Amino acid sequence: MSDAEAQVGTETAAEAPAPGFQPGPAEADIFREFLVALMVHNEAVAARLGLQSADVAAAILLESRGPMPVGAIAEELGLPSASATRVIDRLQKAGYVRRVRSDQDRRAVYVELLPDGMTDYHAAAEISQRHLAEVAAHYSLDQVMVMLDMYRRTTEAYRSATAEIRNGAAGS
């Protein structure tokens, strides 16, 4: 493991933000274009699979986190429980997931991916992986590790901002 790999996820004084850096309009435009491209891409993948983008998001959550209760999926995706139930219904009908009762509490129902549940998703994502591999070829391992750390921190920042927005916090 390189030093950069070991440092991802840790905080040191050396990782403090660049002093005085304030993103300007050009940087903000780049980031907004990135977000739009990502959203449009996710919609295209979902359409290719005959799903909705929330369905794909739920399947990705299950792949990365393991079995989850429907309520946790609803909370993570910001959906009412009835909408989350419809998401799971669509995923189940499409062969991605199944509902299973908890061994500890028979009232609790978890959603888990089927063993080959993400096969179609990964096939659709191969195109994306090819394009992203072309991008990654321009960067060193250390640079990629810094970007992964940035993605992790950006994810947490967006989760915090989402929670504030959902709780009715006013912008500053």
C-alpha atoms as a PDB file:
ATOM      1  CA  MET A   1       0.000   0.000   0.000  1.00  0.00           C
ATOM      2  CA  SER A   2       1.371   3.400  -0.955  1.00  0.00           C
ATOM      3  CA  ASP A   3       1.517   6.341   1.436  1.00  0.00           C
ATOM      4  CA  ALA A   4      -1.371   7.936  -0.473  1.00  0.00           C
ATOM      5  CA  GLU A   5      -3.493   4.796  -0.090  1.00  0.00           C
ATOM      6  CA  ALA A   6      -2.768   4.686   3.632  1.00  0.00           C
ATOM      7  CA  GLN A   7      -3.754   8.341   4.046  1.00  0.00           C
ATOM      8  CA  VAL A   8      -7.206   8.134   2.419  1.00  0.00           C
ATOM      9  CA  GLY A   9      -9.756   8.479   5.175  1.00  0.00           C
ATOM     10  CA  THR A  10      -7.315   9.938   7.706  1.00  0.00           C
ATOM     11  CA  GLU A  11      -7.031  13.559   8.690  1.00  0.00           C
ATOM     12  CA  THR A  12      -3.714  15.317   9.132  1.00  0.00           C
ATOM     13  CA  ALA A  13      -2.602  18.916   9.236  1.00  0.00           C
ATOM     14  CA  ALA A  14      -1.130  18.409   5.770  1.00  0.00           C
ATOM     15  CA  GLU A  15      -4.661  17.798   4.449  1.00  0.00           C
ATOM     16  CA  ALA A  16      -5.948  21.239   5.423  1.00  0.00           C
ATOM     17  CA  PRO A  17      -7.633  23.122   2.592  1.00  0.00           C
ATOM     18  CA  ALA A  18      -5.362  25.098   0.322  1.00  0.00           C
ATOM     19  CA  PRO A  19      -5.012  28.499   1.994  1.00  0.00           C
ATOM     20  CA  GLY A  20      -6.870  31.232   0.214  1.00  0.00           C
ATOM     21  CA  PHE A  21      -8.405  28.996  -2.471  1.00  0.00           C
ATOM     22  CA  GLN A  22     -11.903  30.149  -3.280  1.00  0.00           C
ATOM     23  CA  PRO A  23     -13.559  28.471  -6.237  1.00  0.00           C
ATOM     24  CA  GLY A  24     -14.647  31.034  -8.777  1.00  0.00           C
ATOM     25  CA  PRO A  25     -17.441  30.928 -11.334  1.00  0.00           C
ATOM     26  CA  ALA A  26     -15.403  28.799 -13.758  1.00  0.00           C
ATOM     27  CA  GLU A  27     -14.730  26.138 -11.102  1.00  0.00           C
ATOM     28  CA  ALA A  28     -18.356  26.223  -9.982  1.00  0.00           C
ATOM     29  CA  ASP A  29     -19.471  25.765 -13.600  1.00  0.00           C
ATOM     30  CA  ILE A  30     -17.148  22.762 -13.994  1.00  0.00           C
ATOM     31  CA  PHE A  31     -18.561  21.151 -10.863  1.00  0.00           C
ATOM     32  CA  ARG A  32     -22.177  21.853 -11.837  1.00  0.00           C
ATOM     33  CA  GLU A  33     -21.548  20.393 -15.299  1.00  0.00           C
ATOM     34  CA  PHE A  34     -20.068  17.311 -13.595  1.00  0.00           C
ATOM     35  CA  LEU A  35     -23.191  16.921 -11.449  1.00  0.00           C
ATOM     36  CA  VAL A  36     -25.505  17.281 -14.450  1.00  0.00           C
ATOM     37  CA  ALA A  37     -23.478  14.758 -16.457  1.00  0.00           C
ATOM     38  CA  LEU A  38     -23.610  12.312 -13.546  1.00  0.00           C
ATOM     39  CA  MET A  39     -27.382  12.699 -13.124  1.00  0.00           C
ATOM     40  CA  VAL A  40     -28.031  12.321 -16.864  1.00  0.00           C
ATOM     41  CA  HIS A  41     -25.732   9.295 -16.984  1.00  0.00           C
ATOM     42  CA  ASN A  42     -27.560   7.630 -14.088  1.00  0.00           C
ATOM     43  CA  GLU A  43     -30.871   8.253 -15.847  1.00  0.00           C
ATOM     44  CA  ALA A  44     -29.482   6.674 -19.044  1.00  0.00           C
ATOM     45  CA  VAL A  45     -28.254   3.581 -17.174  1.00  0.00           C
ATOM     46  CA  ALA A  46     -31.609   3.239 -15.412  1.00  0.00           C
ATOM     47  CA  ALA A  47     -33.503   3.597 -18.702  1.00  0.00           C
ATOM     48  CA  ARG A  48     -31.243   0.977 -20.315  1.00  0.00           C
ATOM     49  CA  LEU A  49     -32.193  -1.401 -17.505  1.00  0.00           C
ATOM     50  CA  GLY A  50     -35.902  -0.546 -17.661  1.00  0.00           C
ATOM     51  CA  LEU A  51     -35.708   0.968 -14.174  1.00  0.00           C
ATOM     52  CA  GLN A  52     -35.929   4.381 -12.589  1.00  0.00           C
ATOM     53  CA  SER A  53     -32.892   6.187 -11.188  1.00  0.00           C
ATOM     54  CA  ALA A  54     -34.100   5.647  -7.595  1.00  0.00           C
ATOM     55  CA  ASP A  55     -34.256   1.901  -8.322  1.00  0.00           C
ATOM     56  CA  VAL A  56     -30.644   1.903  -9.460  1.00  0.00           C
ATOM     57  CA  ALA A  57     -29.612   3.975  -6.434  1.00  0.00           C
ATOM     58  CA  ALA A  58     -31.301   1.475  -4.109  1.00  0.00           C
ATOM     59  CA  ALA A  59     -29.582  -1.464  -5.828  1.00  0.00           C
ATOM     60  CA  ILE A  60     -26.200   0.262  -5.532  1.00  0.00           C
ATOM     61  CA  LEU A  61     -26.836   0.909  -1.820  1.00  0.00           C
ATOM     62  CA  LEU A  62     -27.634  -2.765  -1.303  1.00  0.00           C
ATOM     63  CA  GLU A  63     -24.530  -3.818  -3.206  1.00  0.00           C
ATOM     64  CA  SER A  64     -22.247  -1.577  -1.165  1.00  0.00           C
ATOM     65  CA  ARG A  65     -23.880  -1.924   2.275  1.00  0.00           C
ATOM     66  CA  GLY A  66     -25.535  -5.334   2.224  1.00  0.00           C
ATOM     67  CA  PRO A  67     -29.118  -6.148   3.198  1.00  0.00           C
ATOM     68  CA  MET A  68     -31.145  -3.197   4.491  1.00  0.00           C
ATOM     69  CA  PRO A  69     -34.659  -2.664   5.809  1.00  0.00           C
ATOM     70  CA  VAL A  70     -36.987  -0.865   3.397  1.00  0.00           C
ATOM     71  CA  GLY A  71     -37.226   2.012   5.884  1.00  0.00           C
ATOM     72  CA  ALA A  72     -33.455   2.534   5.821  1.00  0.00           C
ATOM     73  CA  ILE A  73     -33.492   2.571   2.025  1.00  0.00           C
ATOM     74  CA  ALA A  74     -36.346   5.092   2.099  1.00  0.00           C
ATOM     75  CA  GLU A  75     -34.450   7.306   4.539  1.00  0.00           C
ATOM     76  CA  GLU A  76     -31.193   7.144   2.580  1.00  0.00           C
ATOM     77  CA  LEU A  77     -32.916   8.026  -0.706  1.00  0.00           C
ATOM     78  CA  GLY A  78     -35.245  10.603   0.859  1.00  0.00           C
ATOM     79  CA  LEU A  79     -38.348   8.731  -0.231  1.00  0.00           C
ATOM     80  CA  PRO A  80     -41.664   8.239   1.535  1.00  0.00           C
ATOM     81  CA  SER A  81     -42.019   4.617   2.659  1.00  0.00           C
ATOM     82  CA  ALA A  82     -44.712   3.913   0.032  1.00  0.00           C
ATOM     83  CA  SER A  83     -42.359   5.098  -2.735  1.00  0.00           C
ATOM     84  CA  ALA A  84     -39.506   2.998  -1.351  1.00  0.00           C
ATOM     85  CA  THR A  85     -41.829  -0.010  -1.324  1.00  0.00           C
ATOM     86  CA  ARG A  86     -42.563   0.593  -5.018  1.00  0.00           C
ATOM     87  CA  VAL A  87     -38.810   0.843  -5.706  1.00  0.00           C
ATOM     88  CA  ILE A  88     -38.264  -2.531  -4.036  1.00  0.00           C
ATOM     89  CA  ASP A  89     -41.264  -4.008  -5.872  1.00  0.00           C
ATOM     90  CA  ARG A  90     -39.750  -2.944  -9.220  1.00  0.00           C
ATOM     91  CA  LEU A  91     -36.321  -4.303  -8.279  1.00  0.00           C
ATOM     92  CA  GLN A  92     -37.849  -7.579  -7.133  1.00  0.00           C
ATOM     93  CA  LYS A  93     -39.897  -7.926 -10.333  1.00  0.00           C
ATOM     94  CA  ALA A  94     -36.769  -7.196 -12.416  1.00  0.00           C
ATOM     95  CA  GLY A  95     -34.797  -9.914 -10.590  1.00  0.00           C
ATOM     96  CA  TYR A  96     -32.400  -7.736  -8.610  1.00  0.00           C
ATOM     97  CA  VAL A  97     -33.541  -8.257  -5.028  1.00  0.00           C
ATOM     98  CA  ARG A  98     -35.641 -10.301  -2.652  1.00  0.00           C
ATOM     99  CA  ARG A  99     -37.285  -9.562   0.654  1.00  0.00           C
ATOM    100  CA  VAL A 100     -36.208 -11.702   3.600  1.00  0.00           C
ATOM    101  CA  ARG A 101     -37.486 -11.860   7.156  1.00  0.00           C
ATOM    102  CA  SER A 102     -35.028 -11.312   9.968  1.00  0.00           C
ATOM    103  CA  ASP A 103     -34.099 -14.426  11.942  1.00  0.00           C
ATOM    104  CA  GLN A 104     -34.086 -12.348  15.153  1.00  0.00           C
ATOM    105  CA  ASP A 105     -37.367 -10.477  14.598  1.00  0.00           C
ATOM    106  CA  ARG A 106     -39.806 -12.114  12.192  1.00  0.00           C
ATOM    107  CA  ARG A 107     -41.643  -8.791  11.832  1.00  0.00           C
ATOM    108  CA  ALA A 108     -38.547  -7.140  10.363  1.00  0.00           C
ATOM    109  CA  VAL A 109     -38.119  -7.431   6.607  1.00  0.00           C
ATOM    110  CA  TYR A 110     -34.807  -6.814   4.892  1.00  0.00           C
ATOM    111  CA  VAL A 111     -34.080  -6.353   1.221  1.00  0.00           C
ATOM    112  CA  GLU A 112     -31.063  -8.148  -0.184  1.00  0.00           C
ATOM    113  CA  LEU A 113     -29.546  -8.469  -3.615  1.00  0.00           C
ATOM    114  CA  LEU A 114     -29.939 -11.754  -5.391  1.00  0.00           C
ATOM    115  CA  PRO A 115     -26.592 -13.474  -6.120  1.00  0.00           C
ATOM    116  CA  ASP A 116     -26.601 -12.296  -9.759  1.00  0.00           C
ATOM    117  CA  GLY A 117     -28.779  -9.271  -9.059  1.00  0.00           C
ATOM    118  CA  MET A 118     -26.334  -6.671 -10.341  1.00  0.00           C
ATOM    119  CA  THR A 119     -25.222  -8.533 -13.478  1.00  0.00           C
ATOM    120  CA  ASP A 120     -27.311  -6.373 -15.831  1.00  0.00           C
ATOM    121  CA  TYR A 121     -26.223  -3.198 -14.044  1.00  0.00           C
ATOM    122  CA  HIS A 122     -22.547  -4.112 -14.322  1.00  0.00           C
ATOM    123  CA  ALA A 123     -22.976  -4.945 -18.012  1.00  0.00           C
ATOM    124  CA  ALA A 124     -24.556  -1.519 -18.595  1.00  0.00           C
ATOM    125  CA  ALA A 125     -21.813   0.139 -16.531  1.00  0.00           C
ATOM    126  CA  GLU A 126     -19.000  -1.415 -18.617  1.00  0.00           C
ATOM    127  CA  ILE A 127     -19.273   1.466 -21.073  1.00  0.00           C
ATOM    128  CA  SER A 128     -18.814   3.942 -18.224  1.00  0.00           C
ATOM    129  CA  GLN A 129     -15.904   1.965 -16.809  1.00  0.00           C
ATOM    130  CA  ARG A 130     -14.131   2.087 -20.169  1.00  0.00           C
ATOM    131  CA  HIS A 131     -14.472   5.872 -20.367  1.00  0.00           C
ATOM    132  CA  LEU A 132     -13.434   6.331 -16.731  1.00  0.00           C
ATOM    133  CA  ALA A 133     -10.376   4.124 -17.268  1.00  0.00           C
ATOM    134  CA  GLU A 134      -9.313   6.505 -20.048  1.00  0.00           C
ATOM    135  CA  VAL A 135      -9.606   9.391 -17.584  1.00  0.00           C
ATOM    136  CA  ALA A 136      -7.705   7.543 -14.835  1.00  0.00           C
ATOM    137  CA  ALA A 137      -4.811   6.860 -17.220  1.00  0.00           C
ATOM    138  CA  HIS A 138      -3.940  10.570 -17.013  1.00  0.00           C
ATOM    139  CA  TYR A 139      -3.263  10.466 -13.256  1.00  0.00           C
ATOM    140  CA  SER A 140      -0.750   8.882 -10.900  1.00  0.00           C
ATOM    141  CA  LEU A 141      -1.825   6.554  -8.116  1.00  0.00           C
ATOM    142  CA  ASP A 142      -1.195   9.327  -5.580  1.00  0.00           C
ATOM    143  CA  GLN A 143      -3.429  11.709  -7.541  1.00  0.00           C
ATOM    144  CA  VAL A 144      -6.185   9.089  -7.802  1.00  0.00           C
ATOM    145  CA  MET A 145      -6.011   8.494  -4.048  1.00  0.00           C
ATOM    146  CA  VAL A 146      -6.405  12.231  -3.420  1.00  0.00           C
ATOM    147  CA  MET A 147      -9.425  12.282  -5.743  1.00  0.00           C
ATOM    148  CA  LEU A 148     -10.965   9.315  -3.935  1.00  0.00           C
ATOM    149  CA  ASP A 149     -10.510  11.155  -0.656  1.00  0.00           C
ATOM    150  CA  MET A 150     -12.169  14.189  -2.208  1.00  0.00           C
ATOM    151  CA  TYR A 151     -15.101  12.020  -3.371  1.00  0.00           C
ATOM    152  CA  ARG A 152     -15.458  10.601   0.152  1.00  0.00           C
ATOM    153  CA  ARG A 153     -15.448  14.079   1.694  1.00  0.00           C
ATOM    154  CA  THR A 154     -17.772  15.467  -0.987  1.00  0.00           C
ATOM    155  CA  THR A 155     -20.191  12.597  -0.357  1.00  0.00           C
ATOM    156  CA  GLU A 156     -20.272  13.429   3.350  1.00  0.00           C
ATOM    157  CA  ALA A 157     -20.674  17.142   2.596  1.00  0.00           C
ATOM    158  CA  TYR A 158     -23.643  16.430   0.314  1.00  0.00           C
ATOM    159  CA  ARG A 159     -25.194  14.094   2.892  1.00  0.00           C
ATOM    160  CA  SER A 160     -24.901  16.818   5.538  1.00  0.00           C
ATOM    161  CA  ALA A 161     -26.289  19.457   3.166  1.00  0.00           C
ATOM    162  CA  THR A 162     -29.156  17.140   2.181  1.00  0.00           C
ATOM    163  CA  ALA A 163     -30.063  16.602   5.826  1.00  0.00           C
ATOM    164  CA  GLU A 164     -30.059  20.371   6.418  1.00  0.00           C
ATOM    165  CA  ILE A 165     -32.213  20.993   3.340  1.00  0.00           C
ATOM    166  CA  ARG A 166     -34.684  18.263   4.321  1.00  0.00           C
ATOM    167  CA  ASN A 167     -34.878  19.709   7.837  1.00  0.00           C
ATOM    168  CA  GLY A 168     -35.776  23.134   6.440  1.00  0.00           C
ATOM    169  CA  ALA A 169     -32.500  24.924   7.134  1.00  0.00           C
ATOM    170  CA  ALA A 170     -32.242  28.269   5.399  1.00  0.00           C
ATOM    171  CA  GLY A 171     -29.318  29.005   3.091  1.00  0.00           C
ATOM    172  CA  SER A 172     -26.672  31.447   4.194  1.00  0.00           C
END
